[in-house]
N, C-alpha and C. Protein backbone atom coordinates (compact mmCIF):
# COMPACT_ATOMS: atom_id res chain seq x y z
N MET A 1 103.47 109.50 95.61
CA MET A 1 102.80 110.73 95.26
C MET A 1 101.72 110.43 94.24
N ASP A 2 100.50 110.75 94.49
CA ASP A 2 99.43 110.51 93.56
C ASP A 2 99.48 111.53 92.44
N LEU A 3 98.83 111.18 91.33
CA LEU A 3 98.73 112.13 90.25
C LEU A 3 97.95 113.35 90.72
N ILE A 4 98.49 114.53 90.46
CA ILE A 4 97.85 115.76 90.90
C ILE A 4 96.65 116.04 90.01
N PRO A 5 95.46 116.29 90.58
CA PRO A 5 94.32 116.67 89.74
C PRO A 5 94.67 117.91 88.93
N GLN A 6 94.31 117.89 87.66
CA GLN A 6 94.65 119.01 86.80
C GLN A 6 93.83 120.24 87.16
N PRO A 7 94.51 121.39 87.36
CA PRO A 7 93.77 122.63 87.57
C PRO A 7 93.00 123.00 86.31
N PRO A 8 92.05 123.91 86.41
CA PRO A 8 91.34 124.36 85.21
C PRO A 8 92.31 124.83 84.15
N CYS A 9 91.96 124.57 82.88
CA CYS A 9 92.88 124.87 81.78
C CYS A 9 93.29 126.33 81.75
N ASP A 10 92.35 127.24 82.04
CA ASP A 10 92.70 128.65 81.98
C ASP A 10 93.73 129.01 83.05
N LEU A 11 93.69 128.32 84.21
CA LEU A 11 94.69 128.56 85.25
C LEU A 11 96.04 128.02 84.82
N VAL A 12 96.06 126.81 84.25
CA VAL A 12 97.32 126.21 83.80
C VAL A 12 97.99 127.10 82.76
N ASP A 13 97.21 127.64 81.84
CA ASP A 13 97.77 128.48 80.79
C ASP A 13 98.45 129.73 81.34
N LYS A 14 97.98 130.19 82.49
CA LYS A 14 98.53 131.41 83.07
C LYS A 14 99.75 131.16 83.95
N LEU A 15 100.03 129.90 84.26
CA LEU A 15 101.16 129.59 85.13
C LEU A 15 102.48 129.80 84.40
N PRO A 16 103.52 130.23 85.11
CA PRO A 16 104.83 130.36 84.47
C PRO A 16 105.39 128.99 84.10
N HIS A 17 106.14 128.96 83.02
CA HIS A 17 106.83 127.73 82.61
C HIS A 17 108.27 127.77 83.12
N PRO A 18 108.77 126.66 83.65
CA PRO A 18 110.16 126.65 84.08
C PRO A 18 111.10 126.94 82.92
N THR A 19 112.11 127.72 83.17
CA THR A 19 113.13 127.95 82.14
C THR A 19 113.85 126.63 81.85
N PRO A 20 114.45 126.47 80.67
CA PRO A 20 115.16 125.21 80.38
C PRO A 20 116.18 124.82 81.45
N PRO A 21 117.00 125.76 81.96
CA PRO A 21 117.94 125.34 83.03
C PRO A 21 117.22 124.88 84.30
N PHE A 22 116.13 125.57 84.67
CA PHE A 22 115.40 125.17 85.87
C PHE A 22 114.70 123.83 85.66
N ARG A 23 114.15 123.62 84.47
CA ARG A 23 113.52 122.33 84.19
C ARG A 23 114.54 121.19 84.27
N ALA A 24 115.73 121.42 83.74
CA ALA A 24 116.78 120.40 83.82
C ALA A 24 117.15 120.12 85.27
N GLU A 25 117.23 121.17 86.08
CA GLU A 25 117.55 121.00 87.49
C GLU A 25 116.42 120.29 88.22
N LEU A 26 115.17 120.59 87.85
CA LEU A 26 114.03 119.87 88.42
C LEU A 26 114.14 118.38 88.13
N THR A 27 114.48 118.04 86.88
CA THR A 27 114.58 116.64 86.49
C THR A 27 115.67 115.93 87.30
N ARG A 28 116.83 116.57 87.45
CA ARG A 28 117.92 115.97 88.23
C ARG A 28 117.53 115.83 89.70
N THR A 29 116.86 116.83 90.23
CA THR A 29 116.50 116.80 91.65
C THR A 29 115.47 115.73 91.92
N VAL A 30 114.48 115.60 91.06
CA VAL A 30 113.47 114.55 91.24
C VAL A 30 114.12 113.18 91.14
N ALA A 31 115.05 113.00 90.19
CA ALA A 31 115.71 111.70 90.02
C ALA A 31 116.47 111.29 91.27
N GLY A 32 116.99 112.26 92.02
CA GLY A 32 117.73 111.94 93.24
C GLY A 32 116.91 111.99 94.50
N SER A 33 115.60 112.15 94.36
CA SER A 33 114.72 112.29 95.52
C SER A 33 113.94 111.01 95.77
N ALA A 34 113.02 111.07 96.72
CA ALA A 34 112.15 109.93 97.01
C ALA A 34 111.00 109.82 96.03
N LEU A 35 110.88 110.75 95.11
CA LEU A 35 109.82 110.71 94.09
C LEU A 35 110.29 109.85 92.93
N LYS A 36 109.60 108.76 92.68
CA LYS A 36 110.02 107.81 91.67
C LYS A 36 109.05 107.82 90.49
N GLY A 37 109.59 107.68 89.29
CA GLY A 37 108.75 107.48 88.12
C GLY A 37 108.48 108.74 87.33
N GLU A 38 108.18 108.54 86.05
CA GLU A 38 107.89 109.66 85.15
C GLU A 38 106.66 110.43 85.61
N HIS A 39 105.65 109.72 86.16
CA HIS A 39 104.44 110.42 86.59
C HIS A 39 104.75 111.40 87.72
N ASN A 40 105.68 111.04 88.60
CA ASN A 40 106.04 111.95 89.67
C ASN A 40 106.88 113.13 89.17
N LEU A 41 107.65 112.93 88.11
CA LEU A 41 108.36 114.06 87.51
C LEU A 41 107.37 115.06 86.95
N GLN A 42 106.35 114.57 86.26
CA GLN A 42 105.33 115.48 85.72
C GLN A 42 104.58 116.17 86.85
N ASN A 43 104.29 115.43 87.92
CA ASN A 43 103.65 116.05 89.09
C ASN A 43 104.53 117.17 89.65
N ALA A 44 105.83 116.91 89.75
CA ALA A 44 106.75 117.89 90.33
C ALA A 44 106.83 119.14 89.46
N ILE A 45 106.83 118.95 88.14
CA ILE A 45 106.89 120.11 87.25
C ILE A 45 105.63 120.96 87.39
N LEU A 46 104.46 120.31 87.46
CA LEU A 46 103.22 121.07 87.65
C LEU A 46 103.22 121.77 89.00
N ALA A 47 103.68 121.06 90.05
CA ALA A 47 103.74 121.68 91.37
C ALA A 47 104.70 122.87 91.37
N ALA A 48 105.82 122.74 90.64
CA ALA A 48 106.77 123.85 90.57
C ALA A 48 106.15 125.06 89.89
N ARG A 49 105.37 124.82 88.85
CA ARG A 49 104.70 125.94 88.17
C ARG A 49 103.72 126.62 89.11
N LEU A 50 102.97 125.82 89.88
CA LEU A 50 102.03 126.40 90.84
C LEU A 50 102.78 127.22 91.90
N CYS A 51 103.89 126.67 92.39
CA CYS A 51 104.66 127.38 93.42
C CYS A 51 105.28 128.66 92.87
N GLN A 52 105.79 128.59 91.64
CA GLN A 52 106.35 129.80 91.04
C GLN A 52 105.27 130.86 90.86
N GLY A 53 104.08 130.41 90.47
CA GLY A 53 102.98 131.35 90.31
C GLY A 53 102.60 132.01 91.61
N ALA A 54 102.86 131.32 92.74
CA ALA A 54 102.56 131.88 94.06
C ALA A 54 103.73 132.67 94.62
N GLY A 55 104.84 132.73 93.87
CA GLY A 55 105.96 133.56 94.29
C GLY A 55 107.13 132.83 94.91
N ALA A 56 107.11 131.50 94.92
CA ALA A 56 108.23 130.74 95.51
C ALA A 56 109.47 130.84 94.62
N SER A 57 110.62 130.78 95.25
CA SER A 57 111.88 130.83 94.50
C SER A 57 112.24 129.44 93.97
N GLU A 58 113.09 129.41 92.95
CA GLU A 58 113.55 128.13 92.41
C GLU A 58 114.28 127.33 93.48
N ALA A 59 115.09 127.99 94.29
CA ALA A 59 115.85 127.29 95.33
C ALA A 59 114.92 126.65 96.35
N ASP A 60 113.87 127.34 96.75
CA ASP A 60 112.94 126.78 97.72
C ASP A 60 112.17 125.60 97.13
N ILE A 61 111.81 125.70 95.86
CA ILE A 61 111.10 124.60 95.21
C ILE A 61 111.98 123.36 95.16
N LEU A 62 113.24 123.52 94.75
CA LEU A 62 114.15 122.38 94.67
C LEU A 62 114.41 121.78 96.04
N ASN A 63 114.54 122.61 97.04
CA ASN A 63 114.77 122.11 98.40
C ASN A 63 113.55 121.34 98.90
N GLY A 64 112.36 121.81 98.57
CA GLY A 64 111.15 121.10 98.96
C GLY A 64 111.08 119.72 98.35
N ILE A 65 111.52 119.59 97.10
CA ILE A 65 111.54 118.28 96.44
C ILE A 65 112.55 117.37 97.13
N ARG A 66 113.72 117.90 97.46
CA ARG A 66 114.74 117.07 98.12
C ARG A 66 114.25 116.54 99.47
N LEU A 67 113.48 117.35 100.18
CA LEU A 67 113.03 116.98 101.52
C LEU A 67 111.73 116.21 101.51
N PHE A 68 111.10 116.06 100.35
CA PHE A 68 109.79 115.42 100.29
C PHE A 68 109.86 113.97 100.75
N GLU A 69 108.95 113.58 101.60
CA GLU A 69 108.83 112.19 102.05
C GLU A 69 107.48 111.64 101.58
N PRO A 70 107.49 110.61 100.74
CA PRO A 70 106.23 110.07 100.23
C PRO A 70 105.43 109.41 101.33
N LEU A 71 104.15 109.24 101.05
CA LEU A 71 103.28 108.55 101.99
C LEU A 71 103.72 107.10 102.16
N PRO A 72 103.54 106.51 103.34
CA PRO A 72 103.75 105.07 103.47
C PRO A 72 102.84 104.32 102.49
N HIS A 73 103.33 103.22 101.99
CA HIS A 73 102.58 102.34 101.10
C HIS A 73 102.47 102.89 99.68
N ARG A 74 103.13 103.99 99.35
CA ARG A 74 103.19 104.51 97.99
C ARG A 74 104.64 104.44 97.51
N LEU A 75 104.96 103.39 96.75
CA LEU A 75 106.33 103.17 96.28
C LEU A 75 107.33 103.32 97.43
N GLN A 76 107.01 102.72 98.56
CA GLN A 76 107.84 102.76 99.76
C GLN A 76 108.93 101.70 99.65
N GLU A 77 110.18 102.13 99.62
CA GLU A 77 111.30 101.23 99.36
C GLU A 77 111.96 100.76 100.65
N MET A 78 112.36 99.49 100.64
CA MET A 78 113.14 98.91 101.74
C MET A 78 114.14 97.95 101.12
N ARG A 79 115.40 98.06 101.49
CA ARG A 79 116.45 97.26 100.87
C ARG A 79 117.13 96.37 101.91
N PHE A 80 117.37 95.11 101.50
CA PHE A 80 118.17 94.18 102.28
C PHE A 80 119.24 93.62 101.34
N GLY A 81 120.49 94.01 101.56
CA GLY A 81 121.55 93.55 100.67
C GLY A 81 121.32 94.04 99.26
N THR A 82 121.30 93.11 98.33
CA THR A 82 121.08 93.47 96.92
C THR A 82 119.60 93.46 96.54
N LYS A 83 118.73 93.12 97.47
CA LYS A 83 117.30 93.00 97.17
C LYS A 83 116.55 94.28 97.56
N LEU A 84 115.72 94.76 96.63
CA LEU A 84 114.91 95.94 96.88
C LEU A 84 113.44 95.53 96.93
N PHE A 85 112.77 95.91 98.00
CA PHE A 85 111.35 95.61 98.18
C PHE A 85 110.57 96.92 98.13
N ILE A 86 109.51 96.95 97.34
CA ILE A 86 108.74 98.17 97.13
C ILE A 86 107.30 97.92 97.51
N ASN A 87 106.87 98.63 98.53
CA ASN A 87 105.50 98.52 99.04
C ASN A 87 104.65 99.60 98.39
N ASP A 88 103.85 99.19 97.42
CA ASP A 88 102.92 100.10 96.75
C ASP A 88 101.49 99.62 96.98
N SER A 89 101.23 99.23 98.23
CA SER A 89 99.93 98.65 98.57
C SER A 89 98.78 99.62 98.36
N ILE A 90 99.08 100.93 98.39
CA ILE A 90 98.03 101.93 98.20
C ILE A 90 97.54 101.96 96.75
N ALA A 91 98.24 101.26 95.85
CA ALA A 91 97.82 101.17 94.45
C ALA A 91 96.62 100.23 94.36
N THR A 92 95.43 100.80 94.42
CA THR A 92 94.21 99.99 94.40
C THR A 92 93.48 100.09 93.08
N ASN A 93 94.13 100.64 92.05
CA ASN A 93 93.52 100.68 90.72
C ASN A 93 94.58 100.34 89.69
N PRO A 94 94.19 99.86 88.52
CA PRO A 94 95.17 99.39 87.53
C PRO A 94 96.12 100.47 87.05
N GLU A 95 95.66 101.71 86.91
CA GLU A 95 96.54 102.76 86.40
C GLU A 95 97.72 103.01 87.32
N ALA A 96 97.48 102.96 88.63
CA ALA A 96 98.58 103.15 89.59
C ALA A 96 99.60 102.03 89.46
N THR A 97 99.14 100.82 89.25
CA THR A 97 100.05 99.69 89.10
C THR A 97 100.87 99.81 87.82
N LYS A 98 100.25 100.22 86.74
CA LYS A 98 100.98 100.42 85.49
C LYS A 98 102.09 101.46 85.67
N ALA A 99 101.78 102.55 86.36
CA ALA A 99 102.80 103.58 86.60
C ALA A 99 103.94 103.03 87.44
N ALA A 100 103.62 102.22 88.45
CA ALA A 100 104.66 101.64 89.30
C ALA A 100 105.56 100.70 88.51
N ILE A 101 104.98 99.88 87.66
CA ILE A 101 105.77 98.94 86.86
C ILE A 101 106.73 99.70 85.96
N ARG A 102 106.26 100.76 85.32
CA ARG A 102 107.13 101.53 84.42
C ARG A 102 108.31 102.16 85.15
N THR A 103 108.17 102.35 86.45
CA THR A 103 109.23 102.99 87.23
C THR A 103 110.43 102.08 87.46
N TYR A 104 110.23 100.76 87.44
CA TYR A 104 111.30 99.85 87.88
C TYR A 104 111.69 98.81 86.84
N THR A 105 111.35 99.00 85.58
CA THR A 105 111.65 97.97 84.58
C THR A 105 113.11 97.95 84.15
N ASP A 106 113.95 98.81 84.73
CA ASP A 106 115.37 98.79 84.39
C ASP A 106 116.13 97.73 85.18
N ARG A 107 115.42 96.98 86.03
CA ARG A 107 116.05 95.93 86.83
C ARG A 107 115.23 94.64 86.73
N ARG A 108 115.79 93.54 87.24
CA ARG A 108 115.03 92.28 87.22
C ARG A 108 113.86 92.42 88.19
N LEU A 109 112.71 92.69 87.63
CA LEU A 109 111.54 93.07 88.42
C LEU A 109 110.57 91.92 88.55
N SER A 110 110.21 91.63 89.80
CA SER A 110 109.14 90.68 90.12
C SER A 110 107.98 91.49 90.69
N VAL A 111 106.79 91.34 90.12
CA VAL A 111 105.65 92.15 90.53
C VAL A 111 104.53 91.26 91.06
N ILE A 112 103.88 91.74 92.12
CA ILE A 112 102.75 91.04 92.73
C ILE A 112 101.50 91.86 92.46
N VAL A 113 100.51 91.25 91.80
CA VAL A 113 99.27 91.95 91.50
C VAL A 113 98.09 91.14 92.01
N GLY A 114 96.98 91.84 92.25
CA GLY A 114 95.74 91.16 92.63
C GLY A 114 95.29 91.48 94.03
N GLY A 115 93.98 91.42 94.21
CA GLY A 115 93.35 91.69 95.49
C GLY A 115 91.85 91.51 95.36
N TYR A 116 91.12 92.28 96.12
CA TYR A 116 89.66 92.21 96.08
C TYR A 116 89.18 92.61 94.69
N ASP A 117 88.31 91.78 94.12
CA ASP A 117 87.83 92.02 92.76
C ASP A 117 86.52 92.79 92.79
N ARG A 118 86.59 94.06 92.39
CA ARG A 118 85.38 94.88 92.31
C ARG A 118 84.99 95.14 90.85
N ASP A 119 85.33 94.17 90.00
CA ASP A 119 84.94 94.20 88.59
C ASP A 119 85.52 95.40 87.84
N GLN A 120 86.75 95.75 88.15
CA GLN A 120 87.44 96.79 87.39
C GLN A 120 87.85 96.25 86.02
N ASP A 121 88.11 97.15 85.10
CA ASP A 121 88.59 96.78 83.78
C ASP A 121 90.11 96.60 83.86
N PHE A 122 90.57 95.38 83.73
CA PHE A 122 91.99 95.09 83.84
C PHE A 122 92.66 94.87 82.48
N SER A 123 91.98 95.21 81.40
CA SER A 123 92.56 94.95 80.08
C SER A 123 93.86 95.73 79.87
N GLY A 124 93.89 96.99 80.32
CA GLY A 124 95.11 97.78 80.17
C GLY A 124 96.26 97.24 81.01
N LEU A 125 95.96 96.83 82.24
CA LEU A 125 96.99 96.26 83.10
C LEU A 125 97.47 94.93 82.54
N ALA A 126 96.55 94.13 82.02
CA ALA A 126 96.95 92.85 81.42
C ALA A 126 97.91 93.08 80.26
N SER A 127 97.64 94.08 79.44
CA SER A 127 98.54 94.39 78.33
C SER A 127 99.90 94.85 78.84
N CYS A 128 99.91 95.64 79.91
CA CYS A 128 101.17 96.09 80.51
C CYS A 128 101.98 94.91 81.02
N LEU A 129 101.33 93.98 81.71
CA LEU A 129 102.02 92.81 82.23
C LEU A 129 102.55 91.93 81.10
N ARG A 130 101.83 91.90 80.00
CA ARG A 130 102.27 91.10 78.85
C ARG A 130 103.47 91.73 78.15
N ASP A 131 103.48 93.06 78.05
CA ASP A 131 104.47 93.73 77.22
C ASP A 131 105.69 94.24 77.98
N ALA A 132 105.56 94.48 79.28
CA ALA A 132 106.68 95.03 80.05
C ALA A 132 107.78 93.98 80.21
N PRO A 133 109.03 94.40 80.30
CA PRO A 133 110.14 93.44 80.46
C PRO A 133 110.24 92.95 81.90
N LEU A 134 109.26 92.18 82.32
CA LEU A 134 109.21 91.69 83.69
C LEU A 134 109.94 90.36 83.81
N HIS A 135 110.52 90.14 84.97
CA HIS A 135 111.20 88.87 85.24
C HIS A 135 110.25 87.86 85.86
N GLN A 136 109.33 88.32 86.69
CA GLN A 136 108.35 87.46 87.35
C GLN A 136 107.03 88.20 87.49
N ILE A 137 105.94 87.43 87.49
CA ILE A 137 104.62 87.95 87.84
C ILE A 137 103.98 86.97 88.80
N TRP A 138 103.49 87.51 89.92
CA TRP A 138 102.73 86.72 90.89
C TRP A 138 101.29 87.24 90.90
N PHE A 139 100.35 86.32 90.73
CA PHE A 139 98.93 86.68 90.69
C PHE A 139 98.25 86.23 91.98
N LEU A 140 97.72 87.19 92.74
CA LEU A 140 97.00 86.90 93.98
C LEU A 140 95.49 86.93 93.74
N PRO A 141 94.73 86.16 94.53
CA PRO A 141 93.27 86.23 94.41
C PRO A 141 92.76 87.58 94.92
N ASP A 142 91.62 87.97 94.42
CA ASP A 142 90.81 87.31 93.42
C ASP A 142 91.06 87.91 92.03
N SER A 143 91.31 89.22 92.01
CA SER A 143 91.47 89.89 90.72
C SER A 143 92.72 89.42 89.99
N GLY A 144 93.77 89.09 90.72
CA GLY A 144 94.98 88.61 90.08
C GLY A 144 94.75 87.32 89.33
N HIS A 145 93.94 86.45 89.89
CA HIS A 145 93.64 85.20 89.19
C HIS A 145 92.80 85.46 87.95
N ARG A 146 91.95 86.49 88.00
CA ARG A 146 91.19 86.86 86.80
C ARG A 146 92.13 87.40 85.72
N ILE A 147 93.10 88.22 86.12
CA ILE A 147 94.07 88.72 85.16
C ILE A 147 94.88 87.57 84.56
N ALA A 148 95.24 86.60 85.40
CA ALA A 148 95.99 85.44 84.90
C ALA A 148 95.18 84.70 83.83
N ARG A 149 93.88 84.58 84.05
CA ARG A 149 93.04 83.93 83.04
C ARG A 149 93.01 84.75 81.76
N MET A 150 92.98 86.06 81.88
CA MET A 150 93.00 86.93 80.70
C MET A 150 94.27 86.74 79.89
N LEU A 151 95.35 86.38 80.56
CA LEU A 151 96.65 86.27 79.90
C LEU A 151 97.02 84.85 79.51
N GLU A 152 96.11 83.92 79.69
CA GLU A 152 96.40 82.54 79.31
C GLU A 152 96.73 82.48 77.82
N GLY A 153 97.82 81.85 77.50
CA GLY A 153 98.27 81.75 76.11
C GLY A 153 99.20 82.86 75.69
N ALA A 154 99.35 83.90 76.52
CA ALA A 154 100.26 85.00 76.19
C ALA A 154 101.70 84.60 76.49
N ASP A 155 102.62 85.29 75.86
CA ASP A 155 104.05 85.02 76.05
C ASP A 155 104.52 85.77 77.30
N LEU A 156 104.35 85.15 78.45
CA LEU A 156 104.69 85.77 79.74
C LEU A 156 106.06 85.29 80.21
N PRO A 157 106.63 85.96 81.22
CA PRO A 157 107.89 85.47 81.78
C PRO A 157 107.76 84.03 82.26
N ALA A 158 108.88 83.32 82.27
CA ALA A 158 108.85 81.92 82.68
C ALA A 158 108.29 81.77 84.09
N HIS A 159 108.59 82.75 84.94
CA HIS A 159 108.13 82.69 86.33
C HIS A 159 106.87 83.54 86.48
N ALA A 160 105.79 83.09 85.92
CA ALA A 160 104.48 83.73 86.09
C ALA A 160 103.54 82.68 86.66
N ARG A 161 103.07 82.93 87.87
CA ARG A 161 102.26 81.89 88.51
C ARG A 161 101.28 82.50 89.49
N ARG A 162 100.27 81.73 89.82
CA ARG A 162 99.29 82.14 90.81
C ARG A 162 99.75 81.72 92.20
N ALA A 163 99.40 82.53 93.18
CA ALA A 163 99.65 82.20 94.58
C ALA A 163 98.40 82.53 95.37
N GLN A 164 98.30 81.98 96.57
CA GLN A 164 97.11 82.21 97.39
C GLN A 164 97.27 83.40 98.32
N ASN A 165 98.50 83.72 98.70
CA ASN A 165 98.71 84.82 99.65
C ASN A 165 100.17 85.26 99.61
N LEU A 166 100.47 86.35 100.30
CA LEU A 166 101.84 86.86 100.34
C LEU A 166 102.80 85.89 101.01
N GLU A 167 102.32 85.19 102.03
CA GLU A 167 103.18 84.24 102.74
C GLU A 167 103.71 83.17 101.78
N GLU A 168 102.86 82.68 100.90
CA GLU A 168 103.29 81.67 99.94
C GLU A 168 104.37 82.23 99.01
N ILE A 169 104.18 83.44 98.54
CA ILE A 169 105.16 84.05 97.63
C ILE A 169 106.51 84.18 98.31
N PHE A 170 106.53 84.70 99.53
CA PHE A 170 107.81 84.90 100.21
C PHE A 170 108.47 83.58 100.57
N SER A 171 107.70 82.58 100.88
CA SER A 171 108.29 81.27 101.16
C SER A 171 109.01 80.73 99.92
N LEU A 172 108.39 80.89 98.76
CA LEU A 172 109.00 80.41 97.52
C LEU A 172 110.22 81.25 97.14
N LEU A 173 110.13 82.55 97.30
CA LEU A 173 111.27 83.40 96.97
C LEU A 173 112.42 83.21 97.96
N GLY A 174 112.08 83.01 99.23
CA GLY A 174 113.12 82.79 100.23
C GLY A 174 113.90 81.52 99.99
N ALA A 175 113.24 80.51 99.42
CA ALA A 175 113.92 79.25 99.12
C ALA A 175 114.85 79.37 97.92
N ASP A 176 114.62 80.36 97.07
CA ASP A 176 115.45 80.56 95.88
C ASP A 176 115.59 82.06 95.64
N PRO A 177 116.41 82.74 96.43
CA PRO A 177 116.47 84.21 96.39
C PRO A 177 117.08 84.79 95.13
N ASP A 178 117.68 83.96 94.28
CA ASP A 178 118.27 84.48 93.05
C ASP A 178 117.23 84.75 91.97
N GLN A 179 115.95 84.59 92.30
CA GLN A 179 114.90 84.74 91.30
C GLN A 179 114.62 86.19 90.92
N PHE A 180 115.07 87.17 91.72
CA PHE A 180 114.66 88.55 91.48
C PHE A 180 115.69 89.51 92.06
N ASP A 181 115.63 90.76 91.61
CA ASP A 181 116.39 91.86 92.22
C ASP A 181 115.46 92.82 92.94
N VAL A 182 114.29 93.06 92.35
CA VAL A 182 113.31 93.99 92.89
C VAL A 182 111.97 93.28 92.99
N LEU A 183 111.34 93.36 94.17
CA LEU A 183 110.02 92.79 94.37
C LEU A 183 109.05 93.93 94.64
N LEU A 184 108.09 94.08 93.75
CA LEU A 184 107.12 95.18 93.81
C LEU A 184 105.74 94.65 94.14
N LEU A 185 105.19 95.09 95.27
CA LEU A 185 103.79 94.84 95.58
C LEU A 185 103.00 96.05 95.09
N SER A 186 102.27 95.88 94.01
CA SER A 186 101.42 96.95 93.48
C SER A 186 100.15 96.27 92.98
N PRO A 187 99.20 96.01 93.89
CA PRO A 187 98.10 95.09 93.59
C PRO A 187 97.14 95.54 92.50
N GLY A 188 96.92 96.86 92.37
CA GLY A 188 95.94 97.32 91.40
C GLY A 188 94.52 96.99 91.81
N ALA A 189 94.31 96.72 93.09
CA ALA A 189 93.00 96.31 93.59
C ALA A 189 92.96 96.53 95.10
N PRO A 190 91.76 96.68 95.67
CA PRO A 190 91.65 96.81 97.13
C PRO A 190 92.10 95.54 97.84
N SER A 191 92.11 95.60 99.16
CA SER A 191 92.70 94.53 99.98
C SER A 191 91.68 93.70 100.74
N PHE A 192 90.39 94.02 100.60
CA PHE A 192 89.40 93.53 101.56
C PHE A 192 89.19 92.02 101.54
N ASN A 193 89.66 91.33 100.50
CA ASN A 193 89.46 89.88 100.50
C ASN A 193 90.39 89.15 101.46
N GLN A 194 91.53 89.80 101.84
CA GLN A 194 92.47 89.14 102.75
C GLN A 194 92.94 90.02 103.90
N PHE A 195 92.71 91.33 103.82
CA PHE A 195 93.22 92.26 104.84
C PHE A 195 92.15 93.28 105.22
N ARG A 196 92.36 93.93 106.37
CA ARG A 196 91.43 94.97 106.80
C ARG A 196 91.47 96.17 105.87
N ASN A 197 92.68 96.50 105.40
CA ASN A 197 92.86 97.68 104.57
C ASN A 197 94.22 97.58 103.88
N TYR A 198 94.50 98.57 103.04
CA TYR A 198 95.77 98.53 102.31
C TYR A 198 96.97 98.69 103.23
N GLU A 199 96.78 99.39 104.37
CA GLU A 199 97.89 99.54 105.31
C GLU A 199 98.32 98.20 105.88
N GLN A 200 97.35 97.38 106.28
CA GLN A 200 97.70 96.06 106.82
C GLN A 200 98.37 95.20 105.75
N ARG A 201 97.89 95.30 104.52
CA ARG A 201 98.51 94.54 103.43
C ARG A 201 99.96 94.98 103.22
N GLY A 202 100.19 96.29 103.20
CA GLY A 202 101.55 96.78 103.02
C GLY A 202 102.46 96.42 104.17
N ASP A 203 101.95 96.53 105.39
CA ASP A 203 102.75 96.17 106.56
C ASP A 203 103.11 94.69 106.55
N THR A 204 102.16 93.85 106.13
CA THR A 204 102.43 92.41 106.03
C THR A 204 103.54 92.14 105.02
N PHE A 205 103.49 92.82 103.89
CA PHE A 205 104.52 92.68 102.86
C PHE A 205 105.90 93.03 103.42
N LEU A 206 106.00 94.15 104.11
CA LEU A 206 107.29 94.57 104.67
C LEU A 206 107.75 93.63 105.78
N ASP A 207 106.82 93.16 106.61
CA ASP A 207 107.18 92.22 107.67
C ASP A 207 107.73 90.93 107.09
N LEU A 208 107.12 90.45 106.02
CA LEU A 208 107.60 89.22 105.39
C LEU A 208 108.96 89.43 104.73
N ALA A 209 109.18 90.61 104.17
CA ALA A 209 110.50 90.91 103.60
C ALA A 209 111.57 90.87 104.68
N ARG A 210 111.26 91.46 105.84
CA ARG A 210 112.22 91.42 106.96
C ARG A 210 112.47 89.98 107.42
N LYS A 211 111.40 89.22 107.52
CA LYS A 211 111.50 87.85 108.02
C LYS A 211 112.37 86.99 107.11
N HIS A 212 112.16 87.09 105.81
CA HIS A 212 112.83 86.18 104.88
C HIS A 212 114.15 86.71 104.34
N PHE A 213 114.33 88.04 104.33
CA PHE A 213 115.52 88.60 103.69
C PHE A 213 116.30 89.56 104.58
N GLY A 214 115.75 89.91 105.74
CA GLY A 214 116.44 90.84 106.63
C GLY A 214 117.55 90.17 107.41
N PRO A 215 118.28 90.95 108.20
CA PRO A 215 119.36 90.38 109.02
C PRO A 215 118.83 89.30 109.95
N LYS A 216 119.53 88.20 110.00
CA LYS A 216 119.10 87.08 110.84
C LYS A 216 119.52 87.33 112.29
N ARG A 217 118.57 87.19 113.18
CA ARG A 217 118.88 87.38 114.60
C ARG A 217 119.54 86.13 115.16
N ARG A 218 120.55 86.36 115.98
CA ARG A 218 121.21 85.23 116.63
C ARG A 218 120.36 84.77 117.81
N PRO A 219 120.31 83.47 118.05
CA PRO A 219 119.53 82.97 119.20
C PRO A 219 120.09 83.50 120.51
């Protein structure tokens, strides 16, 4: 779920505020839904205010959140055994990647960043990668390698390294699967240096997860 553009301030001021019990129920419902992260909780609260202003009931709003299905390639989760793979290929800017990282830092998180370099400012993302409790960082060309250079000399996780493509990363992880619990692809950059679009990049990520960590087919 992308960040919802803020309505005009005068409209926001006129919207009803959720009662404390309803806000608590919103928080619990979002936590158990497909909406992940603090940014999506804030989105849901704003959406609830808009819906209430249009006359929707609390029950209908909560049911809509429970049934919500996120877009493919936006924090799209796939699990094999104890391993969780998160396809956030649609994250083509640093802010989206920072939000994704904050969503999963409660587990041993390995994050893949980098893509087509369109000269974005990566200073904020570099600080996030330096300060977040990450277990691994993989830097892909071209922007990922630039971020890696920005972080040279920083106190990074022991497993922080550059790779040339997703295939290389999965080959290395497949050979030593105890390196991570959660693998997050959230490039913070477009895909055009190696893929047609972010959809192909995300599909490749999921295909490689199936190949290296999915159920093995018998001959």
